[in-house]
Amino acid sequence: MAQALVCVAIPEARGDGRIGVSWKRLSTNEVFRQCIEDGMTTATDIAAEMEISKGMVSRLASRAMKVGLLTKDGRDYALVQSA
């Protein structure tokens, strides 16, 4: 899987208006969720984006569905909308 990073801005504690910048490596679950948030709904699309197998996408989806974060309609995945 390709490595995914996110930039994080951190206000400096000195109070002089400076902002520090840091990088955080995203977990596989975070990348999976981001793919769906970005509009990818099928295992084929997600697998291609994440450079993993469709079987691994299925395992990630199964875990997300078990904890109530994801639904599946046919071949399409969707995030559960929180109330």
PDB file of N, CA and C in Angstrom:
ATOM      1  N   MET A   1       0.829  -1.170   0.000  1.00  0.00           N
ATOM      2  CA  MET A   1       0.000   0.000   0.000  1.00  0.00           C
ATOM      3  C   MET A   1       0.880   1.243   0.000  1.00  0.00           C
ATOM      4  N   ALA A   2       0.499   2.215  -0.793  1.00  0.00           N
ATOM      5  CA  ALA A   2       1.208   3.486  -0.809  1.00  0.00           C
ATOM      6  C   ALA A   2       1.028   4.177   0.542  1.00  0.00           C
ATOM      7  N   GLN A   3       2.046   4.864   0.992  1.00  0.00           N
ATOM      8  CA  GLN A   3       1.977   5.572   2.265  1.00  0.00           C
ATOM      9  C   GLN A   3       1.179   6.860   2.089  1.00  0.00           C
ATOM     10  N   ALA A   4       0.308   7.143   3.027  1.00  0.00           N
ATOM     11  CA  ALA A   4      -0.489   8.361   2.995  1.00  0.00           C
ATOM     12  C   ALA A   4      -0.122   9.213   4.197  1.00  0.00           C
ATOM     13  N   LEU A   5       0.094  10.481   3.940  1.00  0.00           N
ATOM     14  CA  LEU A   5       0.454  11.413   4.997  1.00  0.00           C
ATOM     15  C   LEU A   5      -0.538  12.563   4.999  1.00  0.00           C
ATOM     16  N   VAL A   6      -0.714  13.166   6.154  1.00  0.00           N
ATOM     17  CA  VAL A   6      -1.548  14.354   6.259  1.00  0.00           C
ATOM     18  C   VAL A   6      -0.733  15.417   6.998  1.00  0.00           C
ATOM     19  N   CYS A   7      -0.871  16.650   6.549  1.00  0.00           N
ATOM     20  CA  CYS A   7      -0.183  17.774   7.166  1.00  0.00           C
ATOM     21  C   CYS A   7      -1.034  18.282   8.331  1.00  0.00           C
ATOM     22  N   VAL A   8      -0.388  18.529   9.464  1.00  0.00           N
ATOM     23  CA  VAL A   8      -1.085  18.988  10.661  1.00  0.00           C
ATOM     24  C   VAL A   8      -0.448  20.311  11.104  1.00  0.00           C
ATOM     25  N   ALA A   9      -1.260  21.377  11.196  1.00  0.00           N
ATOM     26  CA  ALA A   9      -0.772  22.666  11.685  1.00  0.00           C
ATOM     27  C   ALA A   9      -0.972  22.728  13.189  1.00  0.00           C
ATOM     28  N   ILE A  10       0.072  23.147  13.898  1.00  0.00           N
ATOM     29  CA  ILE A  10       0.040  23.186  15.360  1.00  0.00           C
ATOM     30  C   ILE A  10       0.415  24.595  15.817  1.00  0.00           C
ATOM     31  N   PRO A  11      -0.519  25.327  16.460  1.00  0.00           N
ATOM     32  CA  PRO A  11      -0.169  26.657  16.965  1.00  0.00           C
ATOM     33  C   PRO A  11       0.946  26.549  17.995  1.00  0.00           C
ATOM     34  N   GLU A  12       1.931  27.425  17.889  1.00  0.00           N
ATOM     35  CA  GLU A  12       3.049  27.434  18.833  1.00  0.00           C
ATOM     36  C   GLU A  12       2.577  27.973  20.177  1.00  0.00           C
ATOM     37  N   ALA A  13       3.133  27.466  21.249  1.00  0.00           N
ATOM     38  CA  ALA A  13       2.737  27.844  22.607  1.00  0.00           C
ATOM     39  C   ALA A  13       3.265  29.222  23.015  1.00  0.00           C
ATOM     40  N   ARG A  14       4.179  29.788  22.239  1.00  0.00           N
ATOM     41  CA  ARG A  14       4.797  31.056  22.617  1.00  0.00           C
ATOM     42  C   ARG A  14       3.839  32.246  22.521  1.00  0.00           C
ATOM     43  N   GLY A  15       2.735  32.096  21.807  1.00  0.00           N
ATOM     44  CA  GLY A  15       1.768  33.177  21.680  1.00  0.00           C
ATOM     45  C   GLY A  15       2.180  34.264  20.709  1.00  0.00           C
ATOM     46  N   ASP A  16       3.174  33.998  19.859  1.00  0.00           N
ATOM     47  CA  ASP A  16       3.610  35.019  18.911  1.00  0.00           C
ATOM     48  C   ASP A  16       3.009  34.835  17.517  1.00  0.00           C
ATOM     49  N   GLY A  17       1.985  33.991  17.421  1.00  0.00           N
ATOM     50  CA  GLY A  17       1.294  33.786  16.147  1.00  0.00           C
ATOM     51  C   GLY A  17       1.932  32.763  15.231  1.00  0.00           C
ATOM     52  N   ARG A  18       3.027  32.176  15.648  1.00  0.00           N
ATOM     53  CA  ARG A  18       3.672  31.170  14.801  1.00  0.00           C
ATOM     54  C   ARG A  18       2.861  29.880  14.790  1.00  0.00           C
ATOM     55  N   ILE A  19       2.987  29.157  13.695  1.00  0.00           N
ATOM     56  CA  ILE A  19       2.328  27.861  13.561  1.00  0.00           C
ATOM     57  C   ILE A  19       3.375  26.847  13.130  1.00  0.00           C
ATOM     58  N   GLY A  20       3.446  25.750  13.873  1.00  0.00           N
ATOM     59  CA  GLY A  20       4.339  24.661  13.504  1.00  0.00           C
ATOM     60  C   GLY A  20       3.623  23.712  12.554  1.00  0.00           C
ATOM     61  N   VAL A  21       4.385  23.007  11.761  1.00  0.00           N
ATOM     62  CA  VAL A  21       3.810  22.056  10.809  1.00  0.00           C
ATOM     63  C   VAL A  21       4.402  20.682  11.088  1.00  0.00           C
ATOM     64  N   SER A  22       3.543  19.682  11.097  1.00  0.00           N
ATOM     65  CA  SER A  22       3.970  18.318  11.338  1.00  0.00           C
ATOM     66  C   SER A  22       3.269  17.409  10.330  1.00  0.00           C
ATOM     67  N   TRP A  23       3.798  16.225  10.156  1.00  0.00           N
ATOM     68  CA  TRP A  23       3.203  15.236   9.266  1.00  0.00           C
ATOM     69  C   TRP A  23       2.795  14.025  10.074  1.00  0.00           C
ATOM     70  N   LYS A  24       1.625  13.478   9.743  1.00  0.00           N
ATOM     71  CA  LYS A  24       1.136  12.279  10.416  1.00  0.00           C
ATOM     72  C   LYS A  24       0.872  11.214   9.359  1.00  0.00           C
ATOM     73  N   ARG A  25       1.368  10.011   9.601  1.00  0.00           N
ATOM     74  CA  ARG A  25       1.102   8.890   8.701  1.00  0.00           C
ATOM     75  C   ARG A  25      -0.302   8.364   8.995  1.00  0.00           C
ATOM     76  N   LEU A  26      -1.134   8.242   7.968  1.00  0.00           N
ATOM     77  CA  LEU A  26      -2.497   7.747   8.148  1.00  0.00           C
ATOM     78  C   LEU A  26      -2.507   6.229   8.223  1.00  0.00           C
ATOM     79  N   SER A  27      -3.388   5.703   9.054  1.00  0.00           N
ATOM     80  CA  SER A  27      -3.543   4.255   9.152  1.00  0.00           C
ATOM     81  C   SER A  27      -4.293   3.746   7.918  1.00  0.00           C
ATOM     82  N   THR A  28      -4.232   2.456   7.709  1.00  0.00           N
ATOM     83  CA  THR A  28      -4.966   1.847   6.591  1.00  0.00           C
ATOM     84  C   THR A  28      -6.458   2.147   6.705  1.00  0.00           C
ATOM     85  N   ASN A  29      -7.008   2.084   7.914  1.00  0.00           N
ATOM     86  CA  ASN A  29      -8.428   2.372   8.119  1.00  0.00           C
ATOM     87  C   ASN A  29      -8.758   3.827   7.782  1.00  0.00           C
ATOM     88  N   GLU A  30      -7.858   4.750   8.128  1.00  0.00           N
ATOM     89  CA  GLU A  30      -8.083   6.161   7.818  1.00  0.00           C
ATOM     90  C   GLU A  30      -8.051   6.408   6.307  1.00  0.00           C
ATOM     91  N   VAL A  31      -7.124   5.749   5.617  1.00  0.00           N
ATOM     92  CA  VAL A  31      -7.043   5.895   4.159  1.00  0.00           C
ATOM     93  C   VAL A  31      -8.297   5.306   3.514  1.00  0.00           C
ATOM     94  N   PHE A  32      -8.747   4.151   4.000  1.00  0.00           N
ATOM     95  CA  PHE A  32      -9.965   3.518   3.497  1.00  0.00           C
ATOM     96  C   PHE A  32     -11.152   4.470   3.633  1.00  0.00           C
ATOM     97  N   ARG A  33     -11.307   5.043   4.813  1.00  0.00           N
ATOM     98  CA  ARG A  33     -12.411   5.982   5.061  1.00  0.00           C
ATOM     99  C   ARG A  33     -12.302   7.196   4.140  1.00  0.00           C
ATOM    100  N   GLN A  34     -11.093   7.714   3.966  1.00  0.00           N
ATOM    101  CA  GLN A  34     -10.909   8.885   3.112  1.00  0.00           C
ATOM    102  C   GLN A  34     -11.288   8.579   1.665  1.00  0.00           C
ATOM    103  N   CYS A  35     -10.980   7.385   1.198  1.00  0.00           N
ATOM    104  CA  CYS A  35     -11.365   6.992  -0.166  1.00  0.00           C
ATOM    105  C   CYS A  35     -12.877   7.087  -0.337  1.00  0.00           C
ATOM    106  N   ILE A  36     -13.608   6.591   0.640  1.00  0.00           N
ATOM    107  CA  ILE A  36     -15.075   6.627   0.556  1.00  0.00           C
ATOM    108  C   ILE A  36     -15.574   8.065   0.658  1.00  0.00           C
ATOM    109  N   GLU A  37     -14.981   8.852   1.554  1.00  0.00           N
ATOM    110  CA  GLU A  37     -15.357  10.267   1.659  1.00  0.00           C
ATOM    111  C   GLU A  37     -15.100  11.002   0.352  1.00  0.00           C
ATOM    112  N   ASP A  38     -14.079  10.575  -0.394  1.00  0.00           N
ATOM    113  CA  ASP A  38     -13.735  11.198  -1.672  1.00  0.00           C
ATOM    114  C   ASP A  38     -14.579  10.693  -2.836  1.00  0.00           C
ATOM    115  N   GLY A  39     -15.553   9.806  -2.547  1.00  0.00           N
ATOM    116  CA  GLY A  39     -16.486   9.379  -3.586  1.00  0.00           C
ATOM    117  C   GLY A  39     -16.237   8.023  -4.197  1.00  0.00           C
ATOM    118  N   MET A  40     -15.229   7.316  -3.747  1.00  0.00           N
ATOM    119  CA  MET A  40     -15.005   5.959  -4.252  1.00  0.00           C
ATOM    120  C   MET A  40     -15.940   5.023  -3.494  1.00  0.00           C
ATOM    121  N   THR A  41     -16.736   4.248  -4.218  1.00  0.00           N
ATOM    122  CA  THR A  41     -17.740   3.422  -3.546  1.00  0.00           C
ATOM    123  C   THR A  41     -17.568   1.931  -3.781  1.00  0.00           C
ATOM    124  N   THR A  42     -16.771   1.530  -4.752  1.00  0.00           N
ATOM    125  CA  THR A  42     -16.625   0.103  -5.044  1.00  0.00           C
ATOM    126  C   THR A  42     -15.265  -0.420  -4.596  1.00  0.00           C
ATOM    127  N   ALA A  43     -15.225  -1.710  -4.316  1.00  0.00           N
ATOM    128  CA  ALA A  43     -13.972  -2.350  -3.910  1.00  0.00           C
ATOM    129  C   ALA A  43     -12.905  -2.179  -4.991  1.00  0.00           C
ATOM    130  N   THR A  44     -13.303  -2.245  -6.243  1.00  0.00           N
ATOM    131  CA  THR A  44     -12.352  -2.104  -7.346  1.00  0.00           C
ATOM    132  C   THR A  44     -11.679  -0.736  -7.316  1.00  0.00           C
ATOM    133  N   ASP A  45     -12.477   0.326  -7.163  1.00  0.00           N
ATOM    134  CA  ASP A  45     -11.922   1.685  -7.138  1.00  0.00           C
ATOM    135  C   ASP A  45     -11.036   1.910  -5.911  1.00  0.00           C
ATOM    136  N   ILE A  46     -11.520   1.449  -4.762  1.00  0.00           N
ATOM    137  CA  ILE A  46     -10.764   1.637  -3.522  1.00  0.00           C
ATOM    138  C   ILE A  46      -9.461   0.845  -3.570  1.00  0.00           C
ATOM    139  N   ALA A  47      -9.523  -0.391  -4.053  1.00  0.00           N
ATOM    140  CA  ALA A  47      -8.325  -1.227  -4.149  1.00  0.00           C
ATOM    141  C   ALA A  47      -7.278  -0.582  -5.059  1.00  0.00           C
ATOM    142  N   ALA A  48      -7.729  -0.035  -6.179  1.00  0.00           N
ATOM    143  CA  ALA A  48      -6.794   0.613  -7.101  1.00  0.00           C
ATOM    144  C   ALA A  48      -6.150   1.842  -6.449  1.00  0.00           C
ATOM    145  N   GLU A  49      -6.936   2.632  -5.763  1.00  0.00           N
ATOM    146  CA  GLU A  49      -6.419   3.847  -5.112  1.00  0.00           C
ATOM    147  C   GLU A  49      -5.439   3.508  -3.992  1.00  0.00           C
ATOM    148  N   MET A  50      -5.781   2.501  -3.195  1.00  0.00           N
ATOM    149  CA  MET A  50      -4.944   2.143  -2.047  1.00  0.00           C
ATOM    150  C   MET A  50      -3.817   1.178  -2.405  1.00  0.00           C
ATOM    151  N   GLU A  51      -3.827   0.658  -3.624  1.00  0.00           N
ATOM    152  CA  GLU A  51      -2.840  -0.318  -4.085  1.00  0.00           C
ATOM    153  C   GLU A  51      -2.853  -1.571  -3.215  1.00  0.00           C
ATOM    154  N   ILE A  52      -4.082  -2.072  -2.952  1.00  0.00           N
ATOM    155  CA  ILE A  52      -4.282  -3.308  -2.205  1.00  0.00           C
ATOM    156  C   ILE A  52      -5.265  -4.181  -2.987  1.00  0.00           C
ATOM    157  N   SER A  53      -5.476  -5.410  -2.541  1.00  0.00           N
ATOM    158  CA  SER A  53      -6.400  -6.311  -3.229  1.00  0.00           C
ATOM    159  C   SER A  53      -7.852  -5.975  -2.878  1.00  0.00           C
ATOM    160  N   LYS A  54      -8.755  -6.404  -3.743  1.00  0.00           N
ATOM    161  CA  LYS A  54     -10.184  -6.228  -3.448  1.00  0.00           C
ATOM    162  C   LYS A  54     -10.573  -7.029  -2.209  1.00  0.00           C
ATOM    163  N   GLY A  55      -9.905  -8.161  -1.967  1.00  0.00           N
ATOM    164  CA  GLY A  55     -10.160  -8.949  -0.773  1.00  0.00           C
ATOM    165  C   GLY A  55      -9.815  -8.174   0.495  1.00  0.00           C
ATOM    166  N   MET A  56      -8.708  -7.421   0.454  1.00  0.00           N
ATOM    167  CA  MET A  56      -8.335  -6.596   1.610  1.00  0.00           C
ATOM    168  C   MET A  56      -9.354  -5.478   1.808  1.00  0.00           C
ATOM    169  N   VAL A  57      -9.851  -4.896   0.734  1.00  0.00           N
ATOM    170  CA  VAL A  57     -10.904  -3.873   0.840  1.00  0.00           C
ATOM    171  C   VAL A  57     -12.127  -4.487   1.511  1.00  0.00           C
ATOM    172  N   SER A  58     -12.473  -5.695   1.114  1.00  0.00           N
ATOM    173  CA  SER A  58     -13.620  -6.379   1.702  1.00  0.00           C
ATOM    174  C   SER A  58     -13.433  -6.581   3.201  1.00  0.00           C
ATOM    175  N   ARG A  59     -12.218  -6.952   3.618  1.00  0.00           N
ATOM    176  CA  ARG A  59     -11.941  -7.135   5.047  1.00  0.00           C
ATOM    177  C   ARG A  59     -12.041  -5.807   5.804  1.00  0.00           C
ATOM    178  N   LEU A  60     -11.509  -4.738   5.224  1.00  0.00           N
ATOM    179  CA  LEU A  60     -11.610  -3.422   5.859  1.00  0.00           C
ATOM    180  C   LEU A  60     -13.074  -3.002   5.974  1.00  0.00           C
ATOM    181  N   ALA A  61     -13.845  -3.250   4.912  1.00  0.00           N
ATOM    182  CA  ALA A  61     -15.268  -2.895   4.912  1.00  0.00           C
ATOM    183  C   ALA A  61     -16.030  -3.707   5.951  1.00  0.00           C
ATOM    184  N   SER A  62     -15.730  -4.984   6.053  1.00  0.00           N
ATOM    185  CA  SER A  62     -16.411  -5.827   7.037  1.00  0.00           C
ATOM    186  C   SER A  62     -16.196  -5.316   8.450  1.00  0.00           C
ATOM    187  N   ARG A  63     -14.950  -4.931   8.752  1.00  0.00           N
ATOM    188  CA  ARG A  63     -14.657  -4.380  10.082  1.00  0.00           C
ATOM    189  C   ARG A  63     -15.429  -3.085  10.328  1.00  0.00           C
ATOM    190  N   ALA A  64     -15.462  -2.223   9.321  1.00  0.00           N
ATOM    191  CA  ALA A  64     -16.162  -0.937   9.455  1.00  0.00           C
ATOM    192  C   ALA A  64     -17.669  -1.148   9.615  1.00  0.00           C
ATOM    193  N   MET A  65     -18.219  -2.141   8.920  1.00  0.00           N
ATOM    194  CA  MET A  65     -19.652  -2.425   9.046  1.00  0.00           C
ATOM    195  C   MET A  65     -19.975  -2.998  10.426  1.00  0.00           C
ATOM    196  N   LYS A  66     -19.082  -3.826  10.965  1.00  0.00           N
ATOM    197  CA  LYS A  66     -19.313  -4.425  12.292  1.00  0.00           C
ATOM    198  C   LYS A  66     -19.411  -3.375  13.392  1.00  0.00           C
ATOM    199  N   VAL A  67     -18.677  -2.277  13.241  1.00  0.00           N
ATOM    200  CA  VAL A  67     -18.718  -1.233  14.264  1.00  0.00           C
ATOM    201  C   VAL A  67     -19.672  -0.090  13.891  1.00  0.00           C
ATOM    202  N   GLY A  68     -20.438  -0.286  12.799  1.00  0.00           N
ATOM    203  CA  GLY A  68     -21.478   0.670  12.441  1.00  0.00           C
ATOM    204  C   GLY A  68     -21.024   1.916  11.705  1.00  0.00           C
ATOM    205  N   LEU A  69     -19.837   1.882  11.081  1.00  0.00           N
ATOM    206  CA  LEU A  69     -19.336   3.048  10.356  1.00  0.00           C
ATOM    207  C   LEU A  69     -19.665   3.035   8.874  1.00  0.00           C
ATOM    208  N   LEU A  70     -20.063   1.878   8.356  1.00  0.00           N
ATOM    209  CA  LEU A  70     -20.200   1.702   6.916  1.00  0.00           C
ATOM    210  C   LEU A  70     -21.417   0.859   6.589  1.00  0.00           C
ATOM    211  N   THR A  71     -22.033   1.142   5.459  1.00  0.00           N
ATOM    212  CA  THR A  71     -23.105   0.295   4.936  1.00  0.00           C
ATOM    213  C   THR A  71     -22.718  -0.159   3.538  1.00  0.00           C
ATOM    214  N   LYS A  72     -23.414  -1.184   3.068  1.00  0.00           N
ATOM    215  CA  LYS A  72     -23.162  -1.687   1.720  1.00  0.00           C
ATOM    216  C   LYS A  72     -24.501  -1.878   1.032  1.00  0.00           C
ATOM    217  N   ASP A  73     -24.605  -1.358  -0.186  1.00  0.00           N
ATOM    218  CA  ASP A  73     -25.802  -1.494  -1.010  1.00  0.00           C
ATOM    219  C   ASP A  73     -25.357  -2.092  -2.339  1.00  0.00           C
ATOM    220  N   GLY A  74     -25.576  -3.395  -2.505  1.00  0.00           N
ATOM    221  CA  GLY A  74     -25.070  -4.059  -3.695  1.00  0.00           C
ATOM    222  C   GLY A  74     -23.553  -4.099  -3.632  1.00  0.00           C
ATOM    223  N   ARG A  75     -22.910  -3.457  -4.596  1.00  0.00           N
ATOM    224  CA  ARG A  75     -21.434  -3.397  -4.619  1.00  0.00           C
ATOM    225  C   ARG A  75     -20.899  -2.070  -4.086  1.00  0.00           C
ATOM    226  N   ASP A  76     -21.779  -1.188  -3.673  1.00  0.00           N
ATOM    227  CA  ASP A  76     -21.364   0.149  -3.247  1.00  0.00           C
ATOM    228  C   ASP A  76     -21.305   0.284  -1.738  1.00  0.00           C
ATOM    229  N   TYR A  77     -20.227   0.916  -1.269  1.00  0.00           N
ATOM    230  CA  TYR A  77     -20.047   1.213   0.136  1.00  0.00           C
ATOM    231  C   TYR A  77     -20.428   2.676   0.382  1.00  0.00           C
ATOM    232  N   ALA A  78     -20.933   2.938   1.589  1.00  0.00           N
ATOM    233  CA  ALA A  78     -21.243   4.319   1.983  1.00  0.00           C
ATOM    234  C   ALA A  78     -21.008   4.457   3.475  1.00  0.00           C
ATOM    235  N   LEU A  79     -20.511   5.612   3.873  1.00  0.00           N
ATOM    236  CA  LEU A  79     -20.328   5.886   5.301  1.00  0.00           C
ATOM    237  C   LEU A  79     -21.685   6.118   5.947  1.00  0.00           C
ATOM    238  N   VAL A  80     -21.835   5.664   7.173  1.00  0.00           N
ATOM    239  CA  VAL A  80     -23.046   5.903   7.934  1.00  0.00           C
ATOM    240  C   VAL A  80     -23.020   7.363   8.375  1.00  0.00           C
ATOM    241  N   GLN A  81     -24.117   8.063   8.131  1.00  0.00           N
ATOM    242  CA  GLN A  81     -24.221   9.460   8.537  1.00  0.00           C
ATOM    243  C   GLN A  81     -24.527   9.517  10.020  1.00  0.00           C
ATOM    244  N   SER A  82     -23.697  10.238  10.766  1.00  0.00           N
ATOM    245  CA  SER A  82     -23.935  10.346  12.208  1.00  0.00           C
ATOM    246  C   SER A  82     -25.047  11.345  12.472  1.00  0.00           C
ATOM    247  N   ALA A  83     -25.819  11.082  13.551  1.00  0.00           N
ATOM    248  CA  ALA A  83     -26.965  11.941  13.871  1.00  0.00           C
ATOM    249  C   ALA A  83     -26.547  13.224  14.524  1.00  0.00           C
TER     250      ALA A  83
END
